[in-house]
Amino acid sequence: QVQLVESGGGLVQPGGSLRLSCATSTTFRSIITMGWYRQAPGKQRELVARITTIGSTNYADSVKGRFTISRANAKNTVYLQMNSLKPDDTADYYCSATDVSGTYWGQGTQVTVSS
């Protein structure tokens, strides 16, 4: 069982930045993919960004050029750097990790972009 703990959410003005962190209870060696998803009120959960064990990344079109996913292997932590935030980025953000046994989720962290 992989446990994930997100942090870094909050309230930010449009155009601002936030960095989300996701700490895992296991080493990256056992994880195939880690990702960030988000769910806005009344909408389905959607993929924001994903990173594989070899460092390959992919992003939702809506965040390309603004968000960057990265990882710190020594800390078993994945980050999501979010720049040029827009009100449409307001959502609960969830970290996920997939290994050979399944996909695990964190409890989420709230991001609100508002003036």
Protein backbone atom coordinates (compact mmCIF):
# COMPACT_ATOMS: atom_id res chain seq x y z
CA GLN A 1 0.00 0.00 0.00
CA VAL A 2 1.43 3.35 -1.08
CA GLN A 3 0.52 6.40 0.97
CA LEU A 4 0.60 9.85 -0.56
CA VAL A 5 0.51 13.20 1.19
CA GLU A 6 -0.03 16.39 -0.79
CA SER A 7 0.79 19.90 0.35
CA GLY A 8 1.22 23.37 -1.09
CA GLY A 9 -2.29 24.36 -2.06
CA GLY A 10 -3.87 27.67 -1.18
CA LEU A 11 -5.31 30.91 -2.45
CA VAL A 12 -3.43 32.80 -5.15
CA GLN A 13 -4.23 35.69 -7.44
CA PRO A 14 -4.51 35.21 -11.20
CA GLY A 15 -1.05 35.20 -12.73
CA GLY A 16 0.51 33.90 -9.54
CA SER A 17 2.37 30.69 -8.81
CA LEU A 18 2.13 27.74 -6.46
CA ARG A 19 4.16 24.59 -6.00
CA LEU A 20 2.41 21.41 -4.93
CA SER A 21 4.31 18.58 -3.29
CA CYS A 22 3.44 14.91 -3.00
CA ALA A 23 5.43 12.78 -0.59
CA THR A 24 5.24 9.02 -0.98
CA SER A 25 5.63 6.30 1.62
CA THR A 26 7.64 4.13 -0.73
CA THR A 27 10.64 4.50 -2.95
CA PHE A 28 10.28 5.47 -6.57
CA ARG A 29 11.83 2.17 -7.62
CA SER A 30 8.50 0.44 -7.05
CA ILE A 31 6.40 3.14 -8.76
CA ILE A 32 5.69 3.06 -12.48
CA THR A 33 3.99 6.42 -12.88
CA MET A 34 3.10 9.38 -10.71
CA GLY A 35 0.63 12.03 -11.64
CA TRP A 36 -1.35 15.05 -10.64
CA TYR A 37 -5.06 15.22 -11.28
CA ARG A 38 -7.61 17.86 -10.46
CA GLN A 39 -11.33 18.07 -9.93
CA ALA A 40 -13.27 21.28 -10.06
CA PRO A 41 -16.76 21.56 -8.53
CA GLY A 42 -19.31 19.85 -10.74
CA LYS A 43 -16.67 18.43 -13.08
CA GLN A 44 -14.95 15.11 -13.54
CA ARG A 45 -11.45 14.49 -12.30
CA GLU A 46 -8.93 15.15 -15.06
CA LEU A 47 -5.26 14.48 -15.61
CA VAL A 48 -3.03 17.51 -15.19
CA ALA A 49 0.45 16.04 -15.55
CA ARG A 50 2.19 12.68 -15.30
CA ILE A 51 5.77 11.49 -14.97
CA THR A 52 7.16 7.99 -15.48
CA THR A 53 10.07 6.21 -13.85
CA ILE A 54 12.33 7.19 -16.72
CA GLY A 55 11.29 10.82 -16.47
CA SER A 56 8.94 11.02 -19.43
CA THR A 57 6.21 13.58 -18.89
CA ASN A 58 2.90 14.52 -20.40
CA TYR A 59 0.52 17.37 -19.68
CA ALA A 60 -3.05 18.38 -20.26
CA ASP A 61 -3.27 20.87 -23.12
CA SER A 62 -4.76 23.44 -20.78
CA VAL A 63 -1.61 23.57 -18.62
CA LYS A 64 1.18 23.09 -21.17
CA GLY A 65 3.78 25.79 -20.87
CA ARG A 66 2.52 26.84 -17.44
CA PHE A 67 2.85 23.75 -15.23
CA THR A 68 5.88 21.55 -14.70
CA ILE A 69 5.95 18.14 -13.02
CA SER A 70 9.20 16.96 -11.51
CA ARG A 71 10.47 14.57 -8.90
CA ALA A 72 13.15 14.37 -6.24
CA ASN A 73 14.15 10.73 -6.05
CA ALA A 74 16.11 11.10 -2.83
CA LYS A 75 13.01 12.53 -1.12
CA ASN A 76 10.48 10.23 -2.81
CA THR A 77 8.58 13.39 -3.64
CA VAL A 78 6.89 14.68 -6.77
CA TYR A 79 6.24 18.35 -7.41
CA LEU A 80 3.89 20.34 -9.58
CA GLN A 81 5.10 23.86 -10.26
CA MET A 82 2.16 25.95 -11.39
CA ASN A 83 2.82 29.34 -12.98
CA SER A 84 0.56 31.91 -14.63
CA LEU A 85 -2.39 30.53 -12.75
CA LYS A 86 -5.87 31.23 -14.02
CA PRO A 87 -9.27 31.12 -12.30
CA ASP A 88 -10.01 27.99 -14.38
CA ASP A 89 -7.20 26.23 -12.51
CA THR A 90 -9.26 26.37 -9.33
CA ALA A 91 -9.83 22.79 -8.17
CA ASP A 92 -8.88 20.12 -5.70
CA TYR A 93 -5.57 18.65 -6.81
CA TYR A 94 -4.79 14.99 -6.20
CA CYS A 95 -1.55 13.10 -6.40
CA SER A 96 -1.57 9.54 -7.73
CA ALA A 97 0.96 6.74 -7.87
CA THR A 98 0.75 3.53 -9.87
CA ASP A 99 2.73 0.38 -9.20
CA VAL A 100 2.24 -3.24 -10.18
CA SER A 101 -0.51 -3.61 -7.57
CA GLY A 102 -2.67 -0.68 -8.56
CA THR A 103 -3.18 3.08 -8.36
CA TYR A 104 -3.18 5.02 -5.13
CA TRP A 105 -4.47 8.49 -4.34
CA GLY A 106 -3.72 11.21 -1.88
CA GLN A 107 -6.41 13.13 -0.04
CA GLY A 108 -6.03 16.21 -2.18
CA THR A 109 -5.07 19.81 -1.71
CA GLN A 110 -7.22 22.77 -2.65
CA VAL A 111 -6.07 25.42 -5.09
CA THR A 112 -8.09 28.59 -5.48
CA VAL A 113 -7.18 31.22 -8.05
CA SER A 114 -9.07 34.41 -7.41
CA SER A 115 -8.57 38.12 -7.07
